[in-house]
């Protein structure tokens, strides 16, 4: 946890490993790590909403498409 947010951490043993980690997308800036954690949390919440409601969502899409198709 960093400032109340769950973030992934990586421990390195040398400056060389630190440079390698940074090249692989890791950061030493906690604000940047938190920004990524918040983005992942938002994305997963949208995905969870879709998984809970996919039948309703697609039923609505089909109903609207049929209504438009047979309207005129």
N, C-alpha and C. Protein backbone atom coordinates (compact mmCIF):
# COMPACT_ATOMS: atom_id res chain seq x y z
N UNK A 1 0.85 -1.18 0.00
CA UNK A 1 0.00 0.00 0.00
C UNK A 1 0.90 1.25 0.00
N UNK A 2 0.61 2.15 -0.90
CA UNK A 2 1.31 3.43 -0.94
C UNK A 2 0.24 4.52 -0.88
N UNK A 3 0.25 5.27 0.18
CA UNK A 3 -0.71 6.37 0.39
C UNK A 3 -2.15 5.89 0.22
N UNK A 4 -2.43 4.68 0.71
CA UNK A 4 -3.78 4.15 0.67
C UNK A 4 -4.17 3.45 -0.62
N UNK A 5 -3.23 3.26 -1.54
CA UNK A 5 -3.52 2.61 -2.82
C UNK A 5 -2.67 1.35 -2.94
N UNK A 6 -3.28 0.30 -3.49
CA UNK A 6 -2.53 -0.93 -3.75
C UNK A 6 -1.70 -0.75 -5.02
N UNK A 7 -0.42 -0.95 -4.91
CA UNK A 7 0.47 -0.87 -6.07
C UNK A 7 1.39 -2.07 -6.08
N UNK A 8 1.85 -2.45 -7.25
CA UNK A 8 2.84 -3.52 -7.36
C UNK A 8 4.20 -2.96 -7.00
N UNK A 9 5.02 -3.78 -6.38
CA UNK A 9 6.37 -3.34 -6.01
C UNK A 9 7.40 -4.31 -6.57
N UNK A 10 8.60 -3.80 -6.70
CA UNK A 10 9.71 -4.60 -7.19
C UNK A 10 10.95 -4.20 -6.41
N UNK A 11 11.67 -5.19 -5.92
CA UNK A 11 12.91 -4.93 -5.22
C UNK A 11 14.08 -5.25 -6.14
N UNK A 12 15.01 -4.32 -6.24
CA UNK A 12 16.20 -4.52 -7.07
C UNK A 12 17.43 -4.53 -6.18
N UNK A 13 18.49 -5.15 -6.67
CA UNK A 13 19.70 -5.32 -5.88
C UNK A 13 20.86 -4.44 -6.32
N UNK A 14 20.69 -3.73 -7.44
CA UNK A 14 21.81 -2.92 -7.94
C UNK A 14 21.26 -1.81 -8.84
N UNK A 15 22.09 -0.80 -9.10
CA UNK A 15 21.67 0.25 -10.04
C UNK A 15 21.38 -0.30 -11.44
N UNK A 16 22.12 -1.33 -11.85
CA UNK A 16 21.87 -1.95 -13.15
C UNK A 16 20.46 -2.54 -13.20
N UNK A 17 20.08 -3.29 -12.15
CA UNK A 17 18.73 -3.86 -12.10
C UNK A 17 17.66 -2.78 -12.06
N UNK A 18 17.97 -1.66 -11.40
CA UNK A 18 17.02 -0.55 -11.35
C UNK A 18 16.80 0.02 -12.75
N UNK A 19 17.87 0.23 -13.50
CA UNK A 19 17.75 0.74 -14.87
C UNK A 19 16.96 -0.24 -15.75
N UNK A 20 17.21 -1.53 -15.57
CA UNK A 20 16.48 -2.54 -16.32
C UNK A 20 14.99 -2.50 -15.98
N UNK A 21 14.68 -2.37 -14.72
CA UNK A 21 13.28 -2.33 -14.29
C UNK A 21 12.58 -1.10 -14.87
N UNK A 22 13.25 0.03 -14.86
CA UNK A 22 12.67 1.26 -15.41
C UNK A 22 12.42 1.09 -16.91
N UNK A 23 13.36 0.46 -17.63
CA UNK A 23 13.15 0.19 -19.06
C UNK A 23 11.97 -0.74 -19.29
N UNK A 24 11.69 -1.61 -18.32
CA UNK A 24 10.58 -2.56 -18.44
C UNK A 24 9.26 -1.98 -17.95
N UNK A 25 9.22 -0.68 -17.63
CA UNK A 25 7.97 -0.04 -17.28
C UNK A 25 7.75 0.25 -15.80
N UNK A 26 8.67 -0.14 -14.95
CA UNK A 26 8.55 0.18 -13.53
C UNK A 26 8.92 1.64 -13.32
N UNK A 27 8.49 2.21 -12.20
CA UNK A 27 8.78 3.61 -11.92
C UNK A 27 9.27 3.77 -10.49
N UNK A 28 10.02 4.82 -10.26
CA UNK A 28 10.46 5.13 -8.89
C UNK A 28 9.61 6.25 -8.29
N UNK A 29 8.66 6.75 -9.09
CA UNK A 29 7.80 7.84 -8.64
C UNK A 29 6.49 7.29 -8.08
N UNK A 30 6.22 7.45 -6.77
CA UNK A 30 4.98 6.90 -6.19
C UNK A 30 3.72 7.48 -6.83
N UNK A 31 3.75 8.76 -7.23
CA UNK A 31 2.57 9.35 -7.85
C UNK A 31 2.23 8.64 -9.16
N UNK A 32 3.25 8.31 -9.92
CA UNK A 32 3.03 7.60 -11.19
C UNK A 32 2.49 6.20 -10.92
N UNK A 33 3.00 5.53 -9.91
CA UNK A 33 2.53 4.19 -9.57
C UNK A 33 1.07 4.23 -9.13
N UNK A 34 0.70 5.24 -8.35
CA UNK A 34 -0.67 5.37 -7.88
C UNK A 34 -1.60 5.68 -9.05
N UNK A 35 -1.15 6.51 -9.98
CA UNK A 35 -1.96 6.83 -11.16
C UNK A 35 -2.29 5.55 -11.92
N UNK A 36 -1.30 4.68 -12.10
CA UNK A 36 -1.54 3.41 -12.77
C UNK A 36 -2.47 2.51 -11.99
N UNK A 37 -2.34 2.49 -10.68
CA UNK A 37 -3.22 1.67 -9.85
C UNK A 37 -4.66 2.15 -9.93
N UNK A 38 -4.86 3.46 -9.91
CA UNK A 38 -6.21 4.03 -10.01
C UNK A 38 -6.81 3.72 -11.37
N UNK A 39 -6.02 3.83 -12.43
CA UNK A 39 -6.49 3.51 -13.77
C UNK A 39 -6.93 2.04 -13.85
N UNK A 40 -6.10 1.14 -13.32
CA UNK A 40 -6.45 -0.29 -13.33
C UNK A 40 -7.73 -0.54 -12.53
N UNK A 41 -7.89 0.13 -11.41
CA UNK A 41 -9.09 -0.03 -10.59
C UNK A 41 -10.33 0.43 -11.35
N UNK A 42 -10.24 1.55 -12.04
CA UNK A 42 -11.38 2.04 -12.83
C UNK A 42 -11.71 1.07 -13.96
N UNK A 43 -10.69 0.60 -14.66
CA UNK A 43 -10.91 -0.32 -15.77
C UNK A 43 -11.55 -1.61 -15.28
N UNK A 44 -11.06 -2.17 -14.18
CA UNK A 44 -11.63 -3.42 -13.69
C UNK A 44 -13.05 -3.21 -13.17
N UNK A 45 -13.36 -2.03 -12.63
CA UNK A 45 -14.73 -1.80 -12.17
C UNK A 45 -15.68 -1.72 -13.36
N UNK A 46 -15.25 -1.13 -14.46
CA UNK A 46 -16.08 -1.09 -15.67
C UNK A 46 -16.27 -2.51 -16.20
N UNK A 47 -15.22 -3.28 -16.22
CA UNK A 47 -15.29 -4.67 -16.71
C UNK A 47 -16.20 -5.50 -15.81
N UNK A 48 -16.10 -5.34 -14.48
CA UNK A 48 -16.98 -6.08 -13.57
C UNK A 48 -18.44 -5.69 -13.79
N UNK A 49 -18.72 -4.41 -14.02
CA UNK A 49 -20.08 -3.96 -14.30
C UNK A 49 -20.61 -4.65 -15.55
N UNK A 50 -19.79 -4.69 -16.61
CA UNK A 50 -20.20 -5.34 -17.85
C UNK A 50 -20.49 -6.82 -17.62
N UNK A 51 -19.62 -7.52 -16.88
CA UNK A 51 -19.83 -8.94 -16.65
C UNK A 51 -21.10 -9.20 -15.85
N UNK A 52 -21.44 -8.30 -14.92
CA UNK A 52 -22.66 -8.47 -14.13
C UNK A 52 -23.91 -8.17 -14.96
N UNK A 53 -23.81 -7.30 -15.96
CA UNK A 53 -24.99 -6.80 -16.66
C UNK A 53 -25.00 -7.06 -18.16
N UNK A 54 -24.17 -7.95 -18.65
CA UNK A 54 -24.04 -8.12 -20.10
C UNK A 54 -25.35 -8.54 -20.75
N UNK A 55 -26.14 -9.38 -20.09
CA UNK A 55 -27.38 -9.83 -20.72
C UNK A 55 -28.35 -8.66 -20.89
N UNK A 56 -28.47 -7.84 -19.87
CA UNK A 56 -29.34 -6.67 -19.95
C UNK A 56 -28.85 -5.70 -21.02
N UNK A 57 -27.52 -5.46 -21.05
CA UNK A 57 -26.97 -4.52 -22.01
C UNK A 57 -27.22 -4.98 -23.45
N UNK A 58 -26.92 -6.24 -23.75
CA UNK A 58 -27.11 -6.74 -25.11
C UNK A 58 -28.58 -6.87 -25.45
N UNK A 59 -29.44 -7.21 -24.48
CA UNK A 59 -30.88 -7.25 -24.72
C UNK A 59 -31.40 -5.87 -25.11
N UNK A 60 -30.89 -4.85 -24.44
CA UNK A 60 -31.30 -3.48 -24.76
C UNK A 60 -30.82 -3.09 -26.16
N UNK A 61 -29.60 -3.44 -26.50
CA UNK A 61 -29.06 -3.13 -27.83
C UNK A 61 -29.90 -3.80 -28.92
N UNK A 62 -30.24 -5.06 -28.71
CA UNK A 62 -31.04 -5.78 -29.71
C UNK A 62 -32.43 -5.17 -29.80
N UNK A 63 -33.03 -4.84 -28.66
CA UNK A 63 -34.38 -4.24 -28.67
C UNK A 63 -34.38 -2.91 -29.40
N UNK A 64 -33.40 -2.08 -29.17
CA UNK A 64 -33.32 -0.79 -29.85
C UNK A 64 -33.10 -1.00 -31.34
N UNK A 65 -32.23 -1.92 -31.71
CA UNK A 65 -31.97 -2.20 -33.13
C UNK A 65 -33.25 -2.68 -33.83
N UNK A 66 -33.99 -3.57 -33.18
CA UNK A 66 -35.23 -4.05 -33.77
C UNK A 66 -36.27 -2.92 -33.89
N UNK A 67 -36.36 -2.08 -32.88
CA UNK A 67 -37.29 -0.97 -32.91
C UNK A 67 -36.96 -0.01 -34.06
N UNK A 68 -35.70 0.26 -34.27
CA UNK A 68 -35.28 1.15 -35.35
C UNK A 68 -35.54 0.49 -36.70
N UNK A 69 -35.27 -0.80 -36.80
CA UNK A 69 -35.42 -1.51 -38.05
C UNK A 69 -36.90 -1.60 -38.48
N UNK A 70 -37.79 -1.84 -37.51
CA UNK A 70 -39.20 -2.02 -37.85
C UNK A 70 -40.04 -0.76 -37.71
N UNK A 71 -39.40 0.34 -37.38
CA UNK A 71 -40.13 1.59 -37.16
C UNK A 71 -40.69 2.16 -38.47
N UNK A 72 -40.00 2.03 -39.49
CA UNK A 72 -40.50 2.70 -40.68
C UNK A 72 -40.12 2.02 -41.89
